[in-house]
Structures are given as C-alpha cells and as structure tokens.
Amino acid sequence: MLHDRVLVDVDAAAGERRSTSGILIPATVQLGRRLTWAKVVAVGPNVRAVEPEDRVLFDPEERAEVELQAKVYVLLRERDIHAVASDSVADGGTGLYL
C-alpha cells in the first residue's frame, strides 16, 4: 500500500435494499447520490484515521477497483472516506466519527 491509500472490501449485497413496503430495489438502480459501506482490508503508512477491520462510508463514484487473488477490492484515498463506524458508542452519540 502506498501513502494515504485504503484498500476496502465492499459487501456484494450492500447495494440492494428494500423499500418500506418490502419491494427489493437492486443495486443497479440510481436514486441520486448514495454512499456505500465497506470493510477496511489494508491501509498505507500515512493513513492516520482508519485501521484494518474498520467499517467506512465512501462515495462509490470516487473509487478505483483492483483485483487481488481473484477478489475485487476498492482502492480509496483517505480523504475520500466520509465516515468511520465505531464498534461501541460510549457517550450516546451516533457511533460515527469523521
């Protein structure tokens, strides 16, 4: 990994969602700008705010895909990450930090 890059694994089913009435909306449907959650696999030496195994929120349009050992990952810059999910919420906040 180089500089401020973050390698993430996007869940294949993360793009699909259900409407309030239970209708399945496929990932190919575009409804405005929608951010995506992914799990961090590796980080570069200059990344400060993210660690491996963190869950991060990013814009799927600002990405570069890379295939490693027959699995597709997404390569991001640290500045392209919008939020990082926290495992536990101690102060009653949202569980996200920027």
Protein backbone atom coordinates (compact mmCIF):
# COMPACT_ATOMS: atom_id res chain seq x y z
CA MET A 1 0.00 0.00 0.00
CA LEU A 2 1.25 3.46 -0.84
CA HIS A 3 0.94 6.73 1.04
CA ASP A 4 -2.65 7.59 2.02
CA ARG A 5 -4.41 4.72 0.26
CA VAL A 6 -7.03 2.46 1.88
CA LEU A 7 -7.99 -0.95 0.46
CA VAL A 8 -11.61 -1.87 1.22
CA ASP A 9 -13.88 -4.84 0.62
CA VAL A 10 -17.40 -3.87 -0.44
CA ASP A 11 -20.16 -6.31 0.50
CA ALA A 12 -21.85 -7.52 -2.71
CA ALA A 13 -25.31 -7.40 -1.13
CA ALA A 14 -24.78 -3.92 0.30
CA GLY A 15 -26.13 -2.26 -2.84
CA GLU A 16 -29.50 -3.95 -2.64
CA ARG A 17 -32.11 -2.51 -0.33
CA ARG A 18 -35.81 -2.83 0.43
CA SER A 19 -38.44 -0.14 0.27
CA THR A 20 -40.76 0.44 3.24
CA SER A 21 -43.38 -1.74 1.55
CA GLY A 22 -40.92 -4.63 1.12
CA ILE A 23 -40.05 -4.25 -2.57
CA LEU A 24 -36.45 -5.24 -3.35
CA ILE A 25 -34.56 -2.42 -5.09
CA PRO A 26 -31.47 -3.75 -6.96
CA ALA A 27 -28.06 -2.09 -6.70
CA THR A 28 -28.19 -1.04 -10.36
CA VAL A 29 -30.98 1.49 -9.70
CA GLN A 30 -29.61 5.00 -9.29
CA LEU A 31 -31.50 7.17 -6.82
CA GLY A 32 -29.38 10.27 -6.51
CA ARG A 33 -26.01 10.14 -4.83
CA ARG A 34 -25.81 7.22 -2.40
CA LEU A 35 -22.82 6.42 -0.19
CA THR A 36 -21.62 2.84 0.41
CA TRP A 37 -20.26 0.99 3.46
CA ALA A 38 -17.18 -1.23 3.20
CA LYS A 39 -14.71 -3.04 5.47
CA VAL A 40 -11.07 -1.88 5.52
CA VAL A 41 -8.65 -4.63 4.50
CA ALA A 42 -5.33 -2.73 4.46
CA VAL A 43 -4.03 0.82 4.89
CA GLY A 44 -0.96 2.71 3.68
CA PRO A 45 1.74 4.00 6.03
CA ASN A 46 0.46 7.61 6.02
CA VAL A 47 -3.16 6.79 6.91
CA ARG A 48 -3.98 8.17 10.37
CA ALA A 49 -7.73 7.91 10.98
CA VAL A 50 -8.53 4.40 9.71
CA GLU A 51 -7.33 0.96 10.77
CA PRO A 52 -7.84 -2.51 9.25
CA GLU A 53 -11.23 -4.09 10.14
CA ASP A 54 -12.94 -0.64 10.43
CA ARG A 55 -16.17 -0.02 8.51
CA VAL A 56 -16.01 3.11 6.34
CA LEU A 57 -18.53 5.13 4.35
CA PHE A 58 -17.47 6.38 0.89
CA ASP A 59 -18.86 7.59 -2.43
CA PRO A 60 -18.81 4.65 -4.89
CA GLU A 61 -18.15 7.02 -7.81
CA GLU A 62 -14.78 8.10 -6.32
CA ARG A 63 -13.05 4.74 -6.44
CA ALA A 64 -10.62 2.53 -8.29
CA GLU A 65 -11.20 -1.22 -8.39
CA VAL A 66 -8.33 -3.68 -8.11
CA GLU A 67 -8.38 -7.48 -8.34
CA LEU A 68 -6.19 -9.44 -5.93
CA GLN A 69 -6.23 -13.25 -5.83
CA ALA A 70 -9.49 -13.41 -7.83
CA LYS A 71 -11.31 -10.99 -5.47
CA VAL A 72 -12.26 -7.43 -6.36
CA TYR A 73 -11.38 -4.69 -3.86
CA VAL A 74 -11.78 -0.92 -3.96
CA LEU A 75 -8.79 1.39 -3.53
CA LEU A 76 -9.53 4.80 -1.97
CA ARG A 77 -7.62 7.79 -0.72
CA GLU A 78 -8.09 8.51 2.98
CA ARG A 79 -9.63 11.90 2.13
CA ASP A 80 -12.40 10.15 0.10
CA ILE A 81 -13.73 8.43 3.25
CA HIS A 82 -16.75 10.27 4.66
CA ALA A 83 -17.16 8.43 7.99
CA VAL A 84 -15.82 5.54 10.07
CA ALA A 85 -18.19 3.37 12.12
CA SER A 86 -17.33 2.78 15.76
CA ASP A 87 -17.81 -0.64 17.38
CA SER A 88 -19.26 0.77 20.59
CA VAL A 89 -20.93 4.04 21.49
CA ALA A 90 -19.89 5.23 24.94
CA ASP A 91 -21.41 8.71 25.10
CA GLY A 92 -24.77 8.04 23.46
CA GLY A 93 -23.66 9.51 20.10
CA THR A 94 -24.27 8.17 16.63
CA GLY A 95 -21.34 5.73 16.56
CA LEU A 96 -19.75 7.55 13.63
CA TYR A 97 -16.77 9.84 13.56
CA LEU A 98 -15.31 11.90 10.74
